Amino acid sequence: MPLDKSALLDFLLEIDKALEASITLVAVGGTALTLLDVKTSTIDLDFTIPSNDYTVFKETLGRIPHGFNIDYWKDGMVFSQILPNDYLKRSISIERMKHIHLKALSPVDIVVTKIGRLDTRDKQDIEAAIRKFKLGKSQIEKRAKQVEYVGRDESYEANLNYVLEKLLN
């Protein structure tokens, strides 16, 4: 079931109510694009979480019945990429709840993390982010070179070249 921005924030408010400590959640992928008003909805929820907040989030999420597909990683890891340590500083603050500081990855970080998989939906998301945030070739290429890819480096490089040549008109 797709979640629009309002439903996403409502769900996070339920988690916020169940938390006993303050945490930072950084939305990634389609979740971030939904929060940044690039997409109208997301089909799953994806976050990267500072490691000191990770266990608190995981335990709290386990106590709340929800039925959503939620993926989360530690410290700037997103799918099969690891962002540079400055990902958190570069992230965009979305909302401060009682216990959750909700952020979204910076648009260029969203793009470089979607490059790893680069399926049809990723290509559409990348194009939409490039248009909305006026991202340039050099900006994407520079940030992509700072990403650590867990997998075949050649695959990431080929996907990056595709984005730079085909999606940046």
N, C-alpha and C. Protein backbone atom coordinates (compact mmCIF):
# COMPACT_ATOMS: atom_id res chain seq x y z
N MET A 1 0.84 -1.18 0.00
CA MET A 1 0.00 0.00 0.00
C MET A 1 0.88 1.24 0.00
N PRO A 2 0.78 2.09 -1.02
CA PRO A 2 1.59 3.31 -1.06
C PRO A 2 1.27 4.26 0.10
N LEU A 3 2.29 4.92 0.56
CA LEU A 3 2.14 5.90 1.64
C LEU A 3 2.44 7.29 1.09
N ASP A 4 1.48 8.21 1.25
CA ASP A 4 1.77 9.59 0.88
C ASP A 4 2.46 10.27 2.07
N LYS A 5 2.85 11.50 1.88
CA LYS A 5 3.60 12.22 2.91
C LYS A 5 2.83 12.29 4.22
N SER A 6 1.55 12.56 4.15
CA SER A 6 0.73 12.67 5.35
C SER A 6 0.68 11.35 6.12
N ALA A 7 0.44 10.25 5.40
CA ALA A 7 0.37 8.93 6.04
C ALA A 7 1.73 8.55 6.63
N LEU A 8 2.79 8.89 5.93
CA LEU A 8 4.14 8.62 6.40
C LEU A 8 4.42 9.36 7.71
N LEU A 9 4.07 10.63 7.74
CA LEU A 9 4.28 11.42 8.97
C LEU A 9 3.39 10.93 10.11
N ASP A 10 2.15 10.53 9.79
CA ASP A 10 1.25 9.99 10.82
C ASP A 10 1.85 8.72 11.44
N PHE A 11 2.40 7.84 10.60
CA PHE A 11 3.01 6.62 11.10
C PHE A 11 4.21 6.95 11.99
N LEU A 12 5.04 7.88 11.55
CA LEU A 12 6.21 8.25 12.36
C LEU A 12 5.81 8.90 13.68
N LEU A 13 4.68 9.58 13.70
CA LEU A 13 4.17 10.14 14.97
C LEU A 13 3.80 9.02 15.94
N GLU A 14 3.29 7.91 15.42
CA GLU A 14 2.98 6.76 16.29
C GLU A 14 4.26 6.17 16.88
N ILE A 15 5.30 6.09 16.07
CA ILE A 15 6.59 5.62 16.58
C ILE A 15 7.12 6.61 17.61
N ASP A 16 6.99 7.90 17.30
CA ASP A 16 7.46 8.94 18.21
C ASP A 16 6.81 8.80 19.59
N LYS A 17 5.52 8.51 19.62
CA LYS A 17 4.80 8.35 20.89
C LYS A 17 5.34 7.18 21.70
N ALA A 18 5.81 6.14 21.02
CA ALA A 18 6.30 4.95 21.70
C ALA A 18 7.76 5.06 22.13
N LEU A 19 8.47 6.04 21.62
CA LEU A 19 9.89 6.20 21.95
C LEU A 19 10.06 6.79 23.35
N GLU A 20 11.13 6.37 24.00
CA GLU A 20 11.46 6.91 25.32
C GLU A 20 12.73 7.74 25.28
N ALA A 21 13.37 7.79 24.11
CA ALA A 21 14.59 8.57 23.94
C ALA A 21 14.53 9.26 22.59
N SER A 22 15.29 10.32 22.45
CA SER A 22 15.32 11.05 21.19
C SER A 22 16.24 10.36 20.19
N ILE A 23 15.81 10.34 18.93
CA ILE A 23 16.59 9.72 17.86
C ILE A 23 16.53 10.58 16.60
N THR A 24 17.44 10.31 15.71
CA THR A 24 17.44 10.93 14.39
C THR A 24 17.17 9.84 13.36
N LEU A 25 16.22 10.08 12.48
CA LEU A 25 15.93 9.20 11.36
C LEU A 25 16.22 9.98 10.08
N VAL A 26 16.96 9.38 9.17
CA VAL A 26 17.24 10.02 7.89
C VAL A 26 16.56 9.18 6.80
N ALA A 27 15.53 9.75 6.21
CA ALA A 27 14.82 9.07 5.13
C ALA A 27 15.70 9.00 3.90
N VAL A 28 15.64 7.87 3.19
CA VAL A 28 16.41 7.68 1.97
C VAL A 28 15.47 7.22 0.86
N GLY A 29 15.98 7.17 -0.36
CA GLY A 29 15.22 6.64 -1.49
C GLY A 29 13.87 7.32 -1.70
N GLY A 30 12.88 6.51 -2.02
CA GLY A 30 11.54 7.02 -2.29
C GLY A 30 10.91 7.68 -1.07
N THR A 31 11.28 7.22 0.12
CA THR A 31 10.77 7.84 1.35
C THR A 31 11.24 9.30 1.41
N ALA A 32 12.51 9.52 1.14
CA ALA A 32 13.05 10.89 1.15
C ALA A 32 12.39 11.73 0.05
N LEU A 33 12.25 11.14 -1.13
CA LEU A 33 11.64 11.89 -2.24
C LEU A 33 10.19 12.25 -1.95
N THR A 34 9.49 11.40 -1.23
CA THR A 34 8.11 11.71 -0.83
C THR A 34 8.10 12.86 0.18
N LEU A 35 8.99 12.81 1.16
CA LEU A 35 9.06 13.88 2.16
C LEU A 35 9.50 15.21 1.56
N LEU A 36 10.27 15.14 0.48
CA LEU A 36 10.75 16.37 -0.19
C LEU A 36 9.81 16.81 -1.32
N ASP A 37 8.64 16.19 -1.39
CA ASP A 37 7.59 16.54 -2.37
C ASP A 37 8.03 16.35 -3.82
N VAL A 38 8.89 15.35 -4.06
CA VAL A 38 9.27 15.00 -5.42
C VAL A 38 8.33 13.92 -5.94
N LYS A 39 7.95 13.00 -5.06
CA LYS A 39 7.01 11.92 -5.38
C LYS A 39 5.76 12.09 -4.52
N THR A 40 4.65 11.60 -5.01
CA THR A 40 3.42 11.70 -4.23
C THR A 40 3.32 10.62 -3.16
N SER A 41 4.02 9.50 -3.37
CA SER A 41 3.97 8.42 -2.38
C SER A 41 5.16 7.50 -2.54
N THR A 42 5.31 6.63 -1.55
CA THR A 42 6.36 5.62 -1.56
C THR A 42 5.74 4.27 -1.24
N ILE A 43 6.31 3.21 -1.77
CA ILE A 43 5.74 1.89 -1.52
C ILE A 43 6.35 1.20 -0.30
N ASP A 44 7.48 1.69 0.16
CA ASP A 44 8.10 1.16 1.36
C ASP A 44 8.80 2.30 2.09
N LEU A 45 9.30 2.00 3.26
CA LEU A 45 9.97 3.02 4.07
C LEU A 45 11.43 2.63 4.23
N ASP A 46 12.31 3.58 3.97
CA ASP A 46 13.74 3.33 4.05
C ASP A 46 14.43 4.45 4.83
N PHE A 47 15.30 4.05 5.76
CA PHE A 47 16.01 5.01 6.59
C PHE A 47 17.45 4.59 6.79
N THR A 48 18.32 5.56 6.98
CA THR A 48 19.64 5.30 7.54
C THR A 48 19.65 6.03 8.88
N ILE A 49 20.22 5.39 9.87
CA ILE A 49 20.07 5.87 11.25
C ILE A 49 21.45 5.89 11.92
N PRO A 50 21.79 6.98 12.60
CA PRO A 50 23.04 6.96 13.35
C PRO A 50 23.07 5.74 14.28
N SER A 51 24.22 5.08 14.37
CA SER A 51 24.29 3.81 15.10
C SER A 51 23.84 3.92 16.56
N ASN A 52 24.05 5.06 17.19
CA ASN A 52 23.62 5.21 18.59
C ASN A 52 22.10 5.27 18.72
N ASP A 53 21.36 5.48 17.62
CA ASP A 53 19.90 5.52 17.64
C ASP A 53 19.28 4.26 17.04
N TYR A 54 20.09 3.45 16.41
CA TYR A 54 19.61 2.30 15.63
C TYR A 54 18.84 1.29 16.48
N THR A 55 19.43 0.86 17.59
CA THR A 55 18.79 -0.16 18.43
C THR A 55 17.50 0.35 19.04
N VAL A 56 17.48 1.60 19.47
CA VAL A 56 16.26 2.18 20.03
C VAL A 56 15.14 2.16 18.99
N PHE A 57 15.46 2.56 17.76
CA PHE A 57 14.46 2.54 16.70
C PHE A 57 13.99 1.11 16.43
N LYS A 58 14.92 0.19 16.29
CA LYS A 58 14.59 -1.20 15.98
C LYS A 58 13.68 -1.80 17.06
N GLU A 59 14.02 -1.59 18.31
CA GLU A 59 13.22 -2.14 19.41
C GLU A 59 11.84 -1.50 19.46
N THR A 60 11.76 -0.21 19.27
CA THR A 60 10.47 0.49 19.29
C THR A 60 9.61 0.04 18.12
N LEU A 61 10.19 -0.05 16.95
CA LEU A 61 9.45 -0.50 15.77
C LEU A 61 8.89 -1.90 15.98
N GLY A 62 9.65 -2.76 16.67
CA GLY A 62 9.21 -4.12 16.95
C GLY A 62 8.00 -4.19 17.86
N ARG A 63 7.75 -3.15 18.62
CA ARG A 63 6.59 -3.12 19.53
C ARG A 63 5.33 -2.54 18.88
N ILE A 64 5.48 -2.01 17.66
CA ILE A 64 4.34 -1.34 17.02
C ILE A 64 3.89 -2.16 15.80
N PRO A 65 2.67 -2.72 15.85
CA PRO A 65 2.20 -3.45 14.67
C PRO A 65 1.93 -2.45 13.54
N HIS A 66 2.45 -2.76 12.34
CA HIS A 66 2.30 -1.78 11.27
C HIS A 66 2.05 -2.37 9.89
N GLY A 67 2.65 -3.48 9.56
CA GLY A 67 2.43 -4.10 8.26
C GLY A 67 3.14 -3.45 7.09
N PHE A 68 4.00 -2.49 7.34
CA PHE A 68 4.75 -1.83 6.27
C PHE A 68 6.08 -2.54 6.04
N ASN A 69 6.60 -2.41 4.83
CA ASN A 69 7.94 -2.89 4.53
C ASN A 69 8.90 -1.76 4.89
N ILE A 70 9.69 -1.97 5.93
CA ILE A 70 10.60 -0.94 6.42
C ILE A 70 12.02 -1.49 6.42
N ASP A 71 12.90 -0.81 5.70
CA ASP A 71 14.31 -1.17 5.69
C ASP A 71 15.08 -0.04 6.36
N TYR A 72 16.09 -0.41 7.13
CA TYR A 72 16.91 0.62 7.77
C TYR A 72 18.32 0.09 7.97
N TRP A 73 19.24 1.01 7.86
CA TRP A 73 20.66 0.71 7.93
C TRP A 73 21.31 1.70 8.88
N LYS A 74 22.57 1.44 9.20
CA LYS A 74 23.32 2.30 10.14
C LYS A 74 24.25 3.26 9.41
N ASP A 75 24.38 4.44 9.98
CA ASP A 75 25.48 5.37 9.70
C ASP A 75 25.77 5.66 8.23
N GLY A 76 24.75 6.01 7.48
CA GLY A 76 24.98 6.41 6.09
C GLY A 76 25.02 5.26 5.12
N MET A 77 24.78 4.05 5.58
CA MET A 77 24.66 2.94 4.64
C MET A 77 23.25 3.02 4.06
N VAL A 78 23.16 2.86 2.74
CA VAL A 78 21.88 2.89 2.04
C VAL A 78 21.95 1.82 0.96
N PHE A 79 21.12 0.82 1.11
CA PHE A 79 21.14 -0.31 0.19
C PHE A 79 22.56 -0.87 0.14
N SER A 80 23.24 -0.75 -0.97
CA SER A 80 24.59 -1.31 -1.08
C SER A 80 25.66 -0.22 -1.18
N GLN A 81 25.33 0.97 -0.73
CA GLN A 81 26.29 2.09 -0.75
C GLN A 81 26.52 2.60 0.67
N ILE A 82 27.71 3.09 0.89
CA ILE A 82 28.01 3.74 2.16
C ILE A 82 28.40 5.18 1.84
N LEU A 83 27.61 6.10 2.36
CA LEU A 83 27.86 7.52 2.12
C LEU A 83 29.01 8.02 2.98
N PRO A 84 29.64 9.11 2.57
CA PRO A 84 30.68 9.72 3.40
C PRO A 84 30.09 10.18 4.74
N ASN A 85 30.95 10.36 5.72
CA ASN A 85 30.51 10.71 7.07
C ASN A 85 29.70 12.00 7.15
N ASP A 86 29.81 12.88 6.16
CA ASP A 86 29.08 14.15 6.21
C ASP A 86 27.63 14.03 5.75
N TYR A 87 27.15 12.80 5.48
CA TYR A 87 25.77 12.63 4.99
C TYR A 87 24.76 13.24 5.95
N LEU A 88 24.98 13.10 7.24
CA LEU A 88 24.02 13.58 8.23
C LEU A 88 23.96 15.11 8.23
N LYS A 89 25.12 15.74 8.16
CA LYS A 89 25.19 17.20 8.13
C LYS A 89 24.53 17.75 6.85
N ARG A 90 24.67 17.03 5.75
CA ARG A 90 24.12 17.46 4.47
C ARG A 90 22.62 17.19 4.34
N SER A 91 22.10 16.31 5.20
CA SER A 91 20.68 15.95 5.14
C SER A 91 19.80 17.15 5.47
N ILE A 92 18.58 17.10 4.98
CA ILE A 92 17.63 18.20 5.12
C ILE A 92 16.66 17.90 6.26
N SER A 93 16.55 18.82 7.20
CA SER A 93 15.62 18.64 8.31
C SER A 93 14.19 18.77 7.79
N ILE A 94 13.37 17.77 8.10
CA ILE A 94 11.97 17.75 7.66
C ILE A 94 11.05 18.16 8.80
N GLU A 95 11.22 17.51 9.95
CA GLU A 95 10.32 17.80 11.08
C GLU A 95 10.97 17.33 12.38
N ARG A 96 10.70 18.09 13.43
CA ARG A 96 11.12 17.68 14.78
C ARG A 96 9.87 17.33 15.56
N MET A 97 9.79 16.07 15.95
CA MET A 97 8.69 15.60 16.78
C MET A 97 9.20 15.60 18.22
N LYS A 98 8.44 15.03 19.12
CA LYS A 98 8.88 15.00 20.51
C LYS A 98 10.20 14.24 20.66
N HIS A 99 10.31 13.06 19.99
CA HIS A 99 11.50 12.22 20.12
C HIS A 99 12.25 12.00 18.81
N ILE A 100 11.61 12.27 17.69
CA ILE A 100 12.24 12.01 16.40
C ILE A 100 12.63 13.32 15.72
N HIS A 101 13.90 13.39 15.31
CA HIS A 101 14.31 14.45 14.40
C HIS A 101 14.34 13.78 13.03
N LEU A 102 13.38 14.09 12.20
CA LEU A 102 13.24 13.48 10.89
C LEU A 102 13.96 14.32 9.85
N LYS A 103 14.84 13.65 9.12
CA LYS A 103 15.60 14.30 8.06
C LYS A 103 15.44 13.50 6.78
N ALA A 104 15.81 14.10 5.67
CA ALA A 104 15.87 13.40 4.39
C ALA A 104 17.28 13.58 3.84
N LEU A 105 17.79 12.56 3.18
CA LEU A 105 19.09 12.70 2.54
C LEU A 105 19.08 13.91 1.62
N SER A 106 20.22 14.51 1.43
CA SER A 106 20.32 15.59 0.46
C SER A 106 19.98 15.01 -0.92
N PRO A 107 19.42 15.83 -1.81
CA PRO A 107 19.04 15.32 -3.14
C PRO A 107 20.18 14.61 -3.88
N VAL A 108 21.39 15.15 -3.83
CA VAL A 108 22.50 14.49 -4.53
C VAL A 108 22.82 13.14 -3.89
N ASP A 109 22.67 13.02 -2.58
CA ASP A 109 22.89 11.73 -1.92
C ASP A 109 21.81 10.73 -2.28
N ILE A 110 20.59 11.20 -2.46
CA ILE A 110 19.52 10.31 -2.92
C ILE A 110 19.89 9.74 -4.29
N VAL A 111 20.33 10.61 -5.18
CA VAL A 111 20.69 10.18 -6.54
C VAL A 111 21.83 9.16 -6.50
N VAL A 112 22.90 9.46 -5.78
CA VAL A 112 24.06 8.56 -5.82
C VAL A 112 23.77 7.22 -5.15
N THR A 113 22.83 7.18 -4.22
CA THR A 113 22.48 5.89 -3.62
C THR A 113 21.53 5.10 -4.50
N LYS A 114 20.76 5.76 -5.34
CA LYS A 114 19.89 5.05 -6.28
C LYS A 114 20.66 4.50 -7.48
N ILE A 115 21.84 5.02 -7.72
CA ILE A 115 22.65 4.57 -8.85
C ILE A 115 23.07 3.10 -8.69
N GLY A 116 23.26 2.64 -7.48
CA GLY A 116 23.71 1.27 -7.26
C GLY A 116 22.80 0.22 -7.87
N ARG A 117 21.50 0.36 -7.69
CA ARG A 117 20.55 -0.62 -8.23
C ARG A 117 20.10 -0.25 -9.63
N LEU A 118 19.69 0.99 -9.79
CA LEU A 118 19.31 1.60 -11.07
C LEU A 118 18.27 0.80 -11.86
N ASP A 119 17.18 0.43 -11.20
CA ASP A 119 16.08 -0.18 -11.93
C ASP A 119 15.21 0.94 -12.54
N THR A 120 14.13 0.57 -13.18
CA THR A 120 13.29 1.55 -13.88
C THR A 120 12.78 2.63 -12.92
N ARG A 121 12.32 2.22 -11.76
CA ARG A 121 11.81 3.19 -10.78
C ARG A 121 12.93 4.11 -10.30
N ASP A 122 14.14 3.56 -10.11
CA ASP A 122 15.29 4.38 -9.70
C ASP A 122 15.60 5.43 -10.77
N LYS A 123 15.56 5.03 -12.02
CA LYS A 123 15.82 5.98 -13.11
C LYS A 123 14.81 7.11 -13.09
N GLN A 124 13.54 6.77 -12.89
CA GLN A 124 12.49 7.80 -12.83
C GLN A 124 12.72 8.73 -11.63
N ASP A 125 13.06 8.15 -10.51
CA ASP A 125 13.32 8.95 -9.30
C ASP A 125 14.52 9.87 -9.49
N ILE A 126 15.58 9.34 -10.11
CA ILE A 126 16.77 10.14 -10.36
C ILE A 126 16.44 11.31 -11.28
N GLU A 127 15.72 11.04 -12.37
CA GLU A 127 15.33 12.11 -13.29
C GLU A 127 14.51 13.18 -12.58
N ALA A 128 13.56 12.75 -11.74
CA ALA A 128 12.71 13.70 -11.02
C ALA A 128 13.53 14.55 -10.05
N ALA A 129 14.48 13.93 -9.35
CA ALA A 129 15.33 14.67 -8.41
C ALA A 129 16.24 15.66 -9.14
N ILE A 130 16.78 15.22 -10.27
CA ILE A 130 17.65 16.11 -11.07
C ILE A 130 16.86 17.34 -11.50
N ARG A 131 15.65 17.12 -11.99
CA ARG A 131 14.80 18.24 -12.44
C ARG A 131 14.43 19.18 -11.28
N LYS A 132 13.90 18.59 -10.21
CA LYS A 132 13.40 19.41 -9.10
C LYS A 132 14.51 20.22 -8.43
N PHE A 133 15.67 19.60 -8.25
CA PHE A 133 16.74 20.25 -7.49
C PHE A 133 17.86 20.79 -8.38
N LYS A 134 17.65 20.71 -9.71
CA LYS A 134 18.60 21.25 -10.68
C LYS A 134 20.03 20.75 -10.42
N LEU A 135 20.13 19.43 -10.26
CA LEU A 135 21.43 18.82 -10.00
C LEU A 135 22.23 18.75 -11.29
N GLY A 136 23.52 19.00 -11.18
CA GLY A 136 24.38 18.98 -12.35
C GLY A 136 25.28 17.77 -12.41
N LYS A 137 25.82 17.53 -13.58
CA LYS A 137 26.67 16.38 -13.85
C LYS A 137 27.88 16.34 -12.91
N SER A 138 28.58 17.46 -12.78
CA SER A 138 29.79 17.47 -11.95
C SER A 138 29.45 17.24 -10.47
N GLN A 139 28.33 17.77 -10.03
CA GLN A 139 27.89 17.60 -8.65
C GLN A 139 27.63 16.11 -8.35
N ILE A 140 26.92 15.44 -9.24
CA ILE A 140 26.61 14.02 -9.06
C ILE A 140 27.88 13.18 -9.16
N GLU A 141 28.69 13.47 -10.16
CA GLU A 141 29.92 12.69 -10.36
C GLU A 141 30.87 12.83 -9.17
N LYS A 142 31.03 14.03 -8.66
CA LYS A 142 31.92 14.26 -7.53
C LYS A 142 31.45 13.50 -6.29
N ARG A 143 30.14 13.56 -6.01
CA ARG A 143 29.61 12.87 -4.83
C ARG A 143 29.67 11.36 -5.01
N ALA A 144 29.37 10.88 -6.21
CA ALA A 144 29.41 9.44 -6.46
C ALA A 144 30.80 8.87 -6.23
N LYS A 145 31.83 9.65 -6.53
CA LYS A 145 33.21 9.19 -6.33
C LYS A 145 33.56 9.06 -4.84
N GLN A 146 32.75 9.68 -3.98
CA GLN A 146 32.98 9.61 -2.54
C GLN A 146 32.23 8.46 -1.87
N VAL A 147 31.34 7.82 -2.62
CA VAL A 147 30.51 6.74 -2.09
C VAL A 147 31.29 5.43 -2.15
N GLU A 148 31.17 4.66 -1.08
CA GLU A 148 31.75 3.32 -1.07
C GLU A 148 30.65 2.35 -1.49
N TYR A 149 30.92 1.57 -2.52
CA TYR A 149 29.93 0.64 -3.06
C TYR A 149 30.27 -0.77 -2.61
N VAL A 150 29.30 -1.44 -2.01
CA VAL A 150 29.49 -2.82 -1.57
C VAL A 150 29.00 -3.72 -2.70
N GLY A 151 29.91 -4.21 -3.47
CA GLY A 151 29.58 -5.00 -4.66
C GLY A 151 30.66 -4.79 -5.70
N ARG A 152 30.32 -5.07 -6.93
CA ARG A 152 31.28 -4.88 -8.02
C ARG A 152 31.37 -3.39 -8.35
N ASP A 153 32.55 -2.82 -8.14
CA ASP A 153 32.75 -1.41 -8.44
C ASP A 153 32.43 -1.10 -9.90
N GLU A 154 32.71 -2.06 -10.78
CA GLU A 154 32.45 -1.87 -12.20
C GLU A 154 30.96 -1.65 -12.47
N SER A 155 30.11 -2.34 -11.70
CA SER A 155 28.66 -2.19 -11.87
C SER A 155 28.23 -0.77 -11.49
N TYR A 156 28.73 -0.30 -10.35
CA TYR A 156 28.37 1.06 -9.91
C TYR A 156 28.87 2.09 -10.93
N GLU A 157 30.10 1.91 -11.39
CA GLU A 157 30.69 2.83 -12.36
C GLU A 157 29.89 2.85 -13.66
N ALA A 158 29.46 1.68 -14.12
CA ALA A 158 28.65 1.60 -15.34
C ALA A 158 27.30 2.31 -15.14
N ASN A 159 26.69 2.11 -13.98
CA ASN A 159 25.42 2.78 -13.68
C ASN A 159 25.60 4.29 -13.59
N LEU A 160 26.69 4.72 -12.97
CA LEU A 160 26.98 6.14 -12.88
C LEU A 160 27.15 6.74 -14.27
N ASN A 161 27.89 6.07 -15.12
CA ASN A 161 28.09 6.57 -16.49
C ASN A 161 26.76 6.65 -17.24
N TYR A 162 25.89 5.68 -17.04
CA TYR A 162 24.56 5.71 -17.66
C TYR A 162 23.81 6.97 -17.21
N VAL A 163 23.80 7.22 -15.92
CA VAL A 163 23.10 8.40 -15.39
C VAL A 163 23.69 9.69 -15.96
N LEU A 164 25.00 9.78 -15.96
CA LEU A 164 25.66 10.99 -16.43
C LEU A 164 25.42 11.23 -17.93
N GLU A 165 25.37 10.18 -18.71
CA GLU A 165 25.21 10.30 -20.16
C GLU A 165 23.77 10.33 -20.63
N LYS A 166 22.89 9.59 -19.97
CA LYS A 166 21.52 9.43 -20.47
C LYS A 166 20.47 10.25 -19.72
N LEU A 167 20.68 10.46 -18.43
CA LEU A 167 19.64 11.10 -17.63
C LEU A 167 19.89 12.59 -17.37
N LEU A 168 21.06 13.05 -17.68
CA LEU A 168 21.37 14.47 -17.51
C LEU A 168 21.42 15.12 -18.89
N ASN A 169 20.30 15.66 -19.30
CA ASN A 169 20.22 16.28 -20.63
C ASN A 169 20.47 17.78 -20.55
